[in-house]
Amino acid sequence: MREITFLKQNSGKWKQIESHVRGDQHLHPDLLADFFVQLTDDLSYAKTFYPKSNTAKYLNNLTATVHQKLYRNKREGTGRLLSFFRTEYPAVVGRYHKELLASFLILTIAALIGWISTVYDDTFVRLILGDTYVNMTLENIKQNDPMAVYKKMHEVDMFLGITFNNTRVAFMAFAWGVLLSFGTAWILFQNGIMLGAFHAFFFQQGVLPEALRTVWIHGTLEISAIIMAGAAGLVMGNSLLFPGTFARKDSFRRGASHGSKMMFGMIPVFIVAGFLEGFITRHTEMPDWLSLAIISASALFVVAYWVVIPRKRLGQEATGHS
């Protein structure tokens, strides 16, 4: 893209941002964060293609001004973390809803394949879940306690083990994005097959409702985290496949940075999901309304924080309002 075209496409936006940040009015931190994300992207492009131009110098100065306003008088530590989760993370997620949808669809389609394969092939579930797990669960069902597996380990040991495992799987889904997104897609596909086979197995045994209200106490956050990790991996992989107007190296650096932010923002989700599985899921005797309340609260959080709020951030970027 010629520099004059780049200027025509973006100069209006830059002037609007400049009028906001150079004035004396108080700006909402969310709006400043949106400005900063937009400017860093434009600055990266300008430094790549017009490194010695006045455009790059102008954007560098404007970005520095926004950065100074954004972090002026902010406390480090807890305050910085709160700022990240409140502003930066939703702003990044909002930019990659297409990748989030793609990740969701890959896992969902794989889950359907896993379900159908289990229903039509009695040996499939043993191939996916293993003979040990299947035999143990069949015995638990005979003893009228299908979800007894969640009561086997001590609460703390289970919490730590599950949190570590969930984090490992999610980071594999992200890291394998470096294989041009195909690695991430494969991890999502594997987990989807397992998810579908798991539910079909309990359906065949006639205890699916109990499995759903038990497993999804922690599974709502756990599966959502895997989908978000998949989206982060696709962001990184697609930055290599489709660099657009960026040099491939710069596109990858940008995709890896944004994907890493998406992953870092999920750390509390891993912890909460592990806590629920270690300490709450084991109480299969809890009333149905309580199970449904926990599942609903988790689902509402996912939709609000990963869909609704990021869309609101995008709207703020488009209109320039807080």
Protein backbone atom coordinates (compact mmCIF):
# COMPACT_ATOMS: atom_id res chain seq x y z
CA MET A 1 0.00 0.00 0.00
CA ARG A 2 1.34 3.44 -0.93
CA GLU A 3 1.91 5.83 1.94
CA ILE A 4 -0.55 8.37 0.58
CA THR A 5 -3.28 5.69 0.51
CA PHE A 6 -2.41 4.65 4.07
CA LEU A 7 -2.72 8.29 5.14
CA LYS A 8 -6.07 8.78 3.42
CA GLN A 9 -7.51 5.67 5.04
CA ASN A 10 -6.42 6.51 8.58
CA SER A 11 -5.68 10.22 8.98
CA GLY A 12 -9.25 11.01 10.04
CA LYS A 13 -9.09 8.42 12.80
CA TRP A 14 -5.70 9.68 13.99
CA LYS A 15 -6.88 13.28 14.12
CA GLN A 16 -9.92 12.24 16.12
CA ILE A 17 -7.75 10.35 18.60
CA GLU A 18 -5.36 13.28 18.80
CA SER A 19 -8.19 15.70 19.55
CA HIS A 20 -9.30 13.46 22.41
CA VAL A 21 -5.93 12.81 24.03
CA ARG A 22 -4.45 16.31 23.68
CA GLY A 23 -7.47 17.94 25.28
CA ASP A 24 -8.01 18.46 28.98
CA GLN A 25 -11.13 16.31 29.24
CA HIS A 26 -11.04 13.12 31.29
CA LEU A 27 -11.06 10.04 29.09
CA HIS A 28 -12.40 6.68 30.18
CA PRO A 29 -9.60 4.09 30.53
CA ASP A 30 -11.49 1.72 28.22
CA LEU A 31 -11.48 4.29 25.44
CA LEU A 32 -7.77 5.02 25.93
CA ALA A 33 -7.00 1.31 25.76
CA ASP A 34 -8.92 1.03 22.48
CA PHE A 35 -6.99 4.01 21.08
CA PHE A 36 -3.70 2.44 22.13
CA VAL A 37 -4.48 -0.91 20.44
CA GLN A 38 -5.44 0.83 17.18
CA LEU A 39 -2.36 3.06 17.16
CA THR A 40 0.13 0.30 17.93
CA ASP A 41 -1.20 -1.68 14.96
CA ASP A 42 -0.91 1.34 12.66
CA LEU A 43 2.54 2.20 14.05
CA SER A 44 3.77 -1.33 13.43
CA TYR A 45 2.60 -1.10 9.81
CA ALA A 46 4.18 2.33 9.32
CA LYS A 47 7.52 1.21 10.79
CA THR A 48 7.51 -1.80 8.47
CA PHE A 49 6.79 0.02 5.21
CA TYR A 50 7.66 3.70 5.86
CA PRO A 51 10.26 3.50 8.67
CA LYS A 52 11.86 6.92 8.06
CA SER A 53 8.73 8.82 7.10
CA ASN A 54 6.98 11.61 8.96
CA THR A 55 3.98 9.29 9.26
CA ALA A 56 5.95 6.84 11.41
CA LYS A 57 7.29 9.69 13.57
CA TYR A 58 3.81 11.17 14.00
CA LEU A 59 2.29 7.82 14.99
CA ASN A 60 5.15 7.12 17.38
CA ASN A 61 4.58 10.42 19.18
CA LEU A 62 0.81 10.00 19.26
CA THR A 63 1.09 6.44 20.55
CA ALA A 64 3.49 7.59 23.27
CA THR A 65 1.01 10.30 24.31
CA VAL A 66 -1.83 7.81 24.57
CA HIS A 67 0.39 5.41 26.50
CA GLN A 68 1.35 8.15 28.94
CA LYS A 69 -2.28 9.09 29.52
CA LEU A 70 -3.33 5.47 29.84
CA TYR A 71 -0.79 4.61 32.53
CA ARG A 72 -0.42 7.97 34.28
CA ASN A 73 -0.93 7.68 38.01
CA LYS A 74 -1.86 4.00 37.69
CA ARG A 75 -0.65 1.68 40.38
CA GLU A 76 1.45 -1.28 39.32
CA GLY A 77 0.71 -4.84 40.47
CA THR A 78 -2.98 -5.37 41.18
CA GLY A 79 -4.01 -2.13 39.49
CA ARG A 80 -2.18 -3.08 36.31
CA LEU A 81 -3.78 -6.52 36.29
CA LEU A 82 -7.24 -5.06 36.78
CA SER A 83 -6.61 -2.68 33.89
CA PHE A 84 -5.58 -5.58 31.68
CA PHE A 85 -8.63 -7.71 32.44
CA ARG A 86 -11.01 -4.75 32.25
CA THR A 87 -9.78 -3.09 29.08
CA GLU A 88 -6.93 -4.70 27.14
CA TYR A 89 -8.16 -8.30 27.16
CA PRO A 90 -11.71 -7.62 25.90
CA ALA A 91 -10.29 -5.26 23.26
CA VAL A 92 -8.01 -7.99 21.91
CA VAL A 93 -10.69 -10.71 22.03
CA GLY A 94 -13.11 -8.45 20.17
CA ARG A 95 -10.73 -8.28 17.23
CA TYR A 96 -10.71 -12.05 16.79
CA HIS A 97 -14.30 -13.20 17.06
CA LYS A 98 -13.98 -14.91 13.67
CA GLU A 99 -11.18 -17.09 15.01
CA LEU A 100 -13.23 -17.72 18.16
CA LEU A 101 -16.18 -18.85 16.04
CA ALA A 102 -13.92 -21.06 13.92
CA SER A 103 -12.51 -22.69 17.05
CA PHE A 104 -16.02 -23.30 18.39
CA LEU A 105 -17.16 -24.84 15.10
CA ILE A 106 -14.15 -27.17 14.82
CA LEU A 107 -14.71 -28.53 18.33
CA THR A 108 -18.49 -28.78 17.84
CA ILE A 109 -18.23 -30.65 14.53
CA ALA A 110 -15.66 -33.02 16.05
CA ALA A 111 -17.98 -33.60 19.04
CA LEU A 112 -20.79 -34.57 16.66
CA ILE A 113 -18.45 -36.99 14.89
CA GLY A 114 -17.46 -38.46 18.26
CA TRP A 115 -21.11 -38.85 19.26
CA ILE A 116 -22.17 -40.53 16.00
CA SER A 117 -19.14 -42.81 15.97
CA THR A 118 -19.86 -43.98 19.52
CA VAL A 119 -23.53 -44.62 18.81
CA TYR A 120 -22.78 -46.73 15.72
CA ASP A 121 -19.60 -48.47 16.92
CA ASP A 122 -19.53 -50.05 20.38
CA THR A 123 -15.73 -50.22 20.37
CA PHE A 124 -15.18 -46.56 19.54
CA VAL A 125 -15.68 -45.19 23.06
CA ARG A 126 -13.07 -47.62 24.42
CA LEU A 127 -10.63 -46.47 21.77
CA ILE A 128 -11.13 -42.83 22.77
CA LEU A 129 -11.67 -42.97 26.55
CA GLY A 130 -9.77 -46.20 27.31
CA ASP A 131 -10.89 -49.53 28.72
CA THR A 132 -10.00 -48.58 32.30
CA TYR A 133 -12.24 -45.53 32.35
CA VAL A 134 -15.14 -47.26 30.55
CA ASN A 135 -15.06 -50.33 32.82
CA MET A 136 -14.82 -48.21 35.96
CA THR A 137 -17.74 -46.02 34.88
CA LEU A 138 -19.90 -49.04 34.00
CA GLU A 139 -19.26 -50.38 37.50
CA ASN A 140 -20.14 -46.99 39.01
CA ILE A 141 -23.39 -46.96 37.05
CA LYS A 142 -24.26 -50.41 38.40
CA GLN A 143 -23.72 -49.00 41.90
CA ASN A 144 -26.06 -46.10 41.08
CA ASP A 145 -23.28 -43.48 41.23
CA PRO A 146 -22.25 -42.74 37.60
CA MET A 147 -20.11 -39.73 38.56
CA ALA A 148 -18.20 -41.45 41.35
CA VAL A 149 -14.93 -40.86 39.47
CA TYR A 150 -14.95 -37.27 40.73
CA LYS A 151 -14.86 -38.51 44.33
CA LYS A 152 -11.75 -40.70 44.01
CA MET A 153 -9.06 -38.09 44.63
CA HIS A 154 -8.52 -35.68 47.49
CA GLU A 155 -9.98 -32.23 46.75
CA VAL A 156 -6.68 -30.32 46.75
CA ASP A 157 -4.81 -32.94 44.72
CA MET A 158 -7.60 -33.03 42.18
CA PHE A 159 -7.77 -29.23 41.98
CA LEU A 160 -4.03 -28.92 41.34
CA GLY A 161 -3.91 -31.82 38.89
CA ILE A 162 -6.93 -30.70 36.88
CA THR A 163 -5.77 -27.07 36.75
CA PHE A 164 -2.35 -28.15 35.51
CA ASN A 165 -3.84 -30.50 32.90
CA ASN A 166 -6.35 -27.93 31.62
CA THR A 167 -3.58 -25.34 31.33
CA ARG A 168 -1.33 -27.83 29.52
CA VAL A 169 -4.02 -28.76 26.97
CA ALA A 170 -4.93 -25.11 26.37
CA PHE A 171 -1.33 -24.04 25.87
CA MET A 172 -0.77 -26.96 23.49
CA ALA A 173 -3.76 -25.75 21.45
CA PHE A 174 -2.21 -22.28 21.38
CA ALA A 175 1.41 -23.27 20.76
CA TRP A 176 0.55 -25.66 17.95
CA GLY A 177 -0.88 -22.70 16.08
CA VAL A 178 2.67 -22.10 14.90
CA LEU A 179 2.07 -25.04 12.54
CA LEU A 180 0.07 -22.74 10.27
CA SER A 181 -3.09 -23.21 12.41
CA PHE A 182 -3.35 -26.91 11.49
CA GLY A 183 -1.80 -27.99 14.78
CA THR A 184 -4.39 -26.01 16.73
CA ALA A 185 -7.21 -27.42 14.61
CA TRP A 186 -5.96 -30.95 15.33
CA ILE A 187 -5.91 -30.37 19.11
CA LEU A 188 -9.44 -28.96 18.95
CA PHE A 189 -10.57 -31.90 16.84
CA GLN A 190 -9.12 -34.43 19.29
CA ASN A 191 -10.82 -32.77 22.26
CA GLY A 192 -14.10 -32.52 20.36
CA ILE A 193 -14.05 -36.22 19.49
CA MET A 194 -13.42 -37.05 23.14
CA LEU A 195 -16.22 -34.73 24.27
CA GLY A 196 -18.74 -36.26 21.87
CA ALA A 197 -17.77 -39.84 22.69
CA PHE A 198 -17.99 -39.11 26.43
CA HIS A 199 -21.53 -37.77 26.22
CA ALA A 200 -22.73 -40.46 23.80
CA PHE A 201 -21.44 -43.13 26.18
CA PHE A 202 -23.52 -41.78 29.07
CA PHE A 203 -26.48 -41.42 26.71
CA GLN A 204 -26.23 -45.10 25.80
CA GLN A 205 -26.19 -46.01 29.48
CA GLY A 206 -29.31 -43.92 30.15
CA VAL A 207 -27.64 -41.49 32.58
CA LEU A 208 -26.92 -38.52 30.31
CA PRO A 209 -29.02 -36.00 32.32
CA GLU A 210 -27.07 -36.77 35.48
CA ALA A 211 -23.79 -36.56 33.58
CA LEU A 212 -24.73 -33.19 32.07
CA ARG A 213 -25.71 -31.52 35.34
CA THR A 214 -22.56 -32.86 37.00
CA VAL A 215 -19.82 -32.56 34.38
CA TRP A 216 -20.84 -29.15 33.09
CA ILE A 217 -20.45 -27.61 36.55
CA HIS A 218 -16.77 -27.34 35.66
CA GLY A 219 -17.05 -28.22 31.97
CA THR A 220 -18.68 -24.94 30.97
CA LEU A 221 -15.53 -22.99 31.82
CA GLU A 222 -13.15 -25.82 30.92
CA ILE A 223 -14.46 -26.36 27.39
CA SER A 224 -14.86 -22.62 26.83
CA ALA A 225 -11.21 -22.14 27.81
CA ILE A 226 -10.12 -24.77 25.29
CA ILE A 227 -12.14 -23.00 22.59
CA MET A 228 -10.55 -19.65 23.49
CA ALA A 229 -7.09 -21.26 23.48
CA GLY A 230 -7.90 -22.63 20.05
CA ALA A 231 -8.85 -19.14 18.90
CA ALA A 232 -5.54 -17.80 20.22
CA GLY A 233 -3.69 -20.53 18.31
CA LEU A 234 -5.59 -19.70 15.13
CA VAL A 235 -4.72 -16.02 15.58
CA MET A 236 -1.03 -16.90 15.71
CA GLY A 237 -1.22 -19.45 12.89
CA ASN A 238 -3.26 -17.22 10.60
CA SER A 239 -0.76 -14.41 11.10
CA LEU A 240 1.71 -16.64 9.25
CA LEU A 241 -0.75 -17.87 6.65
CA PHE A 242 -2.35 -14.49 5.92
CA PRO A 243 0.09 -11.66 6.72
CA GLY A 244 -1.94 -9.18 4.69
CA THR A 245 -0.11 -5.88 4.28
CA PHE A 246 2.46 -6.77 6.95
CA ALA A 247 5.77 -8.49 6.40
CA ARG A 248 5.31 -12.13 7.43
CA LYS A 249 7.75 -11.74 10.33
CA ASP A 250 5.96 -8.65 11.64
CA SER A 251 2.57 -10.25 11.13
CA PHE A 252 3.66 -13.29 13.14
CA ARG A 253 5.07 -11.13 15.92
CA ARG A 254 1.77 -9.27 16.12
CA GLY A 255 -0.31 -12.49 16.02
CA ALA A 256 1.83 -14.16 18.68
CA SER A 257 1.54 -11.10 20.91
CA HIS A 258 -2.23 -10.90 20.62
CA GLY A 259 -2.60 -14.66 21.03
CA SER A 260 -0.44 -14.57 24.16
CA LYS A 261 -2.66 -11.89 25.65
CA MET A 262 -5.71 -14.04 24.93
CA MET A 263 -4.03 -16.92 26.76
CA PHE A 264 -2.88 -14.86 29.74
CA GLY A 265 -6.42 -13.59 30.21
CA MET A 266 -7.64 -17.15 30.72
CA ILE A 267 -5.47 -17.96 33.72
CA PRO A 268 -8.27 -17.13 36.22
CA VAL A 269 -10.65 -19.31 34.18
CA PHE A 270 -8.30 -22.29 34.45
CA ILE A 271 -8.09 -21.80 38.21
CA VAL A 272 -11.86 -21.46 38.72
CA ALA A 273 -12.60 -24.46 36.48
CA GLY A 274 -10.06 -26.54 38.41
CA PHE A 275 -11.56 -25.41 41.71
CA LEU A 276 -15.06 -26.36 40.60
CA GLU A 277 -13.94 -29.78 39.41
CA GLY A 278 -11.86 -30.48 42.50
CA PHE A 279 -14.20 -29.19 45.19
CA ILE A 280 -17.74 -28.85 43.80
CA THR A 281 -18.38 -31.41 41.04
CA ARG A 282 -17.83 -34.31 43.46
CA HIS A 283 -20.99 -33.36 45.35
CA THR A 284 -23.35 -35.21 43.05
CA GLU A 285 -26.02 -35.12 45.75
CA MET A 286 -26.47 -31.35 45.41
CA PRO A 287 -29.93 -30.23 44.26
CA ASP A 288 -30.48 -29.81 40.54
CA TRP A 289 -31.26 -26.10 40.90
CA LEU A 290 -27.83 -25.46 42.41
CA SER A 291 -26.03 -27.35 39.64
CA LEU A 292 -28.00 -25.45 37.00
CA ALA A 293 -27.29 -22.15 38.77
CA ILE A 294 -23.52 -22.76 38.66
CA ILE A 295 -23.66 -23.86 35.01
CA SER A 296 -25.81 -20.86 34.06
CA ALA A 297 -23.55 -18.41 35.88
CA SER A 298 -20.50 -19.84 34.10
CA ALA A 299 -22.24 -19.65 30.70
CA LEU A 300 -23.35 -16.06 31.33
CA PHE A 301 -19.79 -15.10 32.23
CA VAL A 302 -18.41 -16.65 29.03
CA VAL A 303 -20.98 -14.94 26.79
CA ALA A 304 -20.65 -11.58 28.54
CA TYR A 305 -16.86 -11.43 28.84
CA TRP A 306 -15.91 -13.06 25.55
CA VAL A 307 -18.74 -11.89 23.28
CA VAL A 308 -20.85 -8.98 24.57
CA ILE A 309 -18.17 -6.80 26.20
CA PRO A 310 -15.63 -7.24 23.35
CA ARG A 311 -18.32 -6.24 20.84
CA LYS A 312 -18.97 -3.16 22.92
CA ARG A 313 -15.26 -2.34 22.77
CA LEU A 314 -15.34 -2.64 18.98
CA GLY A 315 -18.30 -0.28 18.91
CA GLN A 316 -16.34 2.22 20.96
CA GLU A 317 -13.43 1.97 18.55
CA ALA A 318 -15.71 2.62 15.59
CA THR A 319 -17.49 5.62 17.14
CA GLY A 320 -14.67 7.05 19.23
CA HIS A 321 -16.92 7.26 22.31
CA SER A 322 -16.45 5.87 25.83
